[in-house]
Amino acid sequence: FNIYNMLHQFGSKQMGVVSTYFATLRKTHGVPSDCIECGQCEEHCPQHIDIIDSLKQVAQALEQ
């Protein structure tokens, strides 16, 4: 979500930084579309974010 927020906050001006950061995290942590929609993260989220649906938006924005 941090990368997605950076993209929306800074726009295309920081796309190089965002792309590099995402490529690094992708190697170590996978990608948003890897989510299996089990819902465990949503049960534990203190902010009550709809993480599953939000990850779908992140995947569309970053995994193009």
C-alpha atoms as a PDB file:
ATOM      1  CA  PHE A   1       0.000   0.000   0.000  1.00  0.00           C
ATOM      2  CA  ASN A   2       2.920   2.332   0.641  1.00  0.00           C
ATOM      3  CA  ILE A   3       4.036   2.126  -2.987  1.00  0.00           C
ATOM      4  CA  TYR A   4       0.471   2.668  -4.217  1.00  0.00           C
ATOM      5  CA  ASN A   5       0.138   5.712  -1.965  1.00  0.00           C
ATOM      6  CA  MET A   6       3.469   7.099  -3.216  1.00  0.00           C
ATOM      7  CA  LEU A   7       2.270   6.741  -6.798  1.00  0.00           C
ATOM      8  CA  HIS A   8      -0.908   8.677  -6.054  1.00  0.00           C
ATOM      9  CA  GLN A   9       0.835  11.285  -3.962  1.00  0.00           C
ATOM     10  CA  PHE A  10       3.695  12.062  -6.332  1.00  0.00           C
ATOM     11  CA  GLY A  11       2.318  10.864  -9.656  1.00  0.00           C
ATOM     12  CA  SER A  12       4.468  10.061 -12.634  1.00  0.00           C
ATOM     13  CA  LYS A  13       7.254  12.352 -11.392  1.00  0.00           C
ATOM     14  CA  GLN A  14       8.391   9.569  -9.065  1.00  0.00           C
ATOM     15  CA  MET A  15       7.534   6.607 -11.306  1.00  0.00           C
ATOM     16  CA  GLY A  16      11.189   5.539 -11.546  1.00  0.00           C
ATOM     17  CA  VAL A  17      11.525   5.374  -7.765  1.00  0.00           C
ATOM     18  CA  VAL A  18       8.178   3.617  -7.415  1.00  0.00           C
ATOM     19  CA  SER A  19       9.077   1.058 -10.089  1.00  0.00           C
ATOM     20  CA  THR A  20      12.436   0.283  -8.491  1.00  0.00           C
ATOM     21  CA  TYR A  21      10.910  -0.042  -5.023  1.00  0.00           C
ATOM     22  CA  PHE A  22       8.139  -2.297  -6.344  1.00  0.00           C
ATOM     23  CA  ALA A  23      10.605  -4.498  -8.257  1.00  0.00           C
ATOM     24  CA  THR A  24      12.628  -5.018  -5.068  1.00  0.00           C
ATOM     25  CA  LEU A  25       9.602  -5.874  -2.933  1.00  0.00           C
ATOM     26  CA  ARG A  26       8.196  -8.121  -5.647  1.00  0.00           C
ATOM     27  CA  LYS A  27      11.273 -10.362  -5.396  1.00  0.00           C
ATOM     28  CA  THR A  28      11.091 -10.725  -1.618  1.00  0.00           C
ATOM     29  CA  HIS A  29       7.374 -10.474  -0.851  1.00  0.00           C
ATOM     30  CA  GLY A  30       5.441 -11.265  -4.040  1.00  0.00           C
ATOM     31  CA  VAL A  31       2.841  -9.095  -5.714  1.00  0.00           C
ATOM     32  CA  PRO A  32      -0.626  -7.884  -4.700  1.00  0.00           C
ATOM     33  CA  SER A  33      -2.318 -10.307  -7.089  1.00  0.00           C
ATOM     34  CA  ASP A  34      -0.809 -13.198  -5.096  1.00  0.00           C
ATOM     35  CA  CYS A  35      -3.527 -12.597  -2.493  1.00  0.00           C
ATOM     36  CA  ILE A  36      -5.671 -15.727  -2.041  1.00  0.00           C
ATOM     37  CA  GLU A  37      -8.524 -13.720  -0.468  1.00  0.00           C
ATOM     38  CA  CYS A  38      -8.576 -15.741   2.769  1.00  0.00           C
ATOM     39  CA  GLY A  39      -9.535 -12.636   4.778  1.00  0.00           C
ATOM     40  CA  GLN A  40      -7.104 -13.204   7.661  1.00  0.00           C
ATOM     41  CA  CYS A  41      -5.483  -9.816   7.129  1.00  0.00           C
ATOM     42  CA  GLU A  42      -8.859  -8.057   7.290  1.00  0.00           C
ATOM     43  CA  GLU A  43      -9.702  -9.767  10.582  1.00  0.00           C
ATOM     44  CA  HIS A  44      -6.530  -8.320  12.132  1.00  0.00           C
ATOM     45  CA  CYS A  45      -6.511  -4.880  10.519  1.00  0.00           C
ATOM     46  CA  PRO A  46      -6.857  -2.229  13.256  1.00  0.00           C
ATOM     47  CA  GLN A  47      -8.049   0.300  10.650  1.00  0.00           C
ATOM     48  CA  HIS A  48     -10.773  -2.039   9.321  1.00  0.00           C
ATOM     49  CA  ILE A  49      -9.553  -1.578   5.753  1.00  0.00           C
ATOM     50  CA  ASP A  50     -11.163  -3.688   3.046  1.00  0.00           C
ATOM     51  CA  ILE A  51      -7.750  -5.105   2.184  1.00  0.00           C
ATOM     52  CA  ILE A  52      -8.855  -7.700  -0.352  1.00  0.00           C
ATOM     53  CA  ASP A  53     -10.616  -5.180  -2.586  1.00  0.00           C
ATOM     54  CA  SER A  54      -7.895  -2.603  -2.022  1.00  0.00           C
ATOM     55  CA  LEU A  55      -5.204  -5.066  -3.114  1.00  0.00           C
ATOM     56  CA  LYS A  56      -7.082  -5.580  -6.367  1.00  0.00           C
ATOM     57  CA  GLN A  57      -6.806  -1.841  -7.047  1.00  0.00           C
ATOM     58  CA  VAL A  58      -3.126  -1.881  -6.138  1.00  0.00           C
ATOM     59  CA  ALA A  59      -2.531  -4.837  -8.464  1.00  0.00           C
ATOM     60  CA  GLN A  60      -4.178  -3.002 -11.354  1.00  0.00           C
ATOM     61  CA  ALA A  61      -2.081   0.098 -10.767  1.00  0.00           C
ATOM     62  CA  LEU A  62       1.285  -1.546 -10.199  1.00  0.00           C
ATOM     63  CA  GLU A  63       1.278  -4.841 -12.095  1.00  0.00           C
ATOM     64  CA  GLN A  64       0.667  -3.434 -15.559  1.00  0.00           C
END
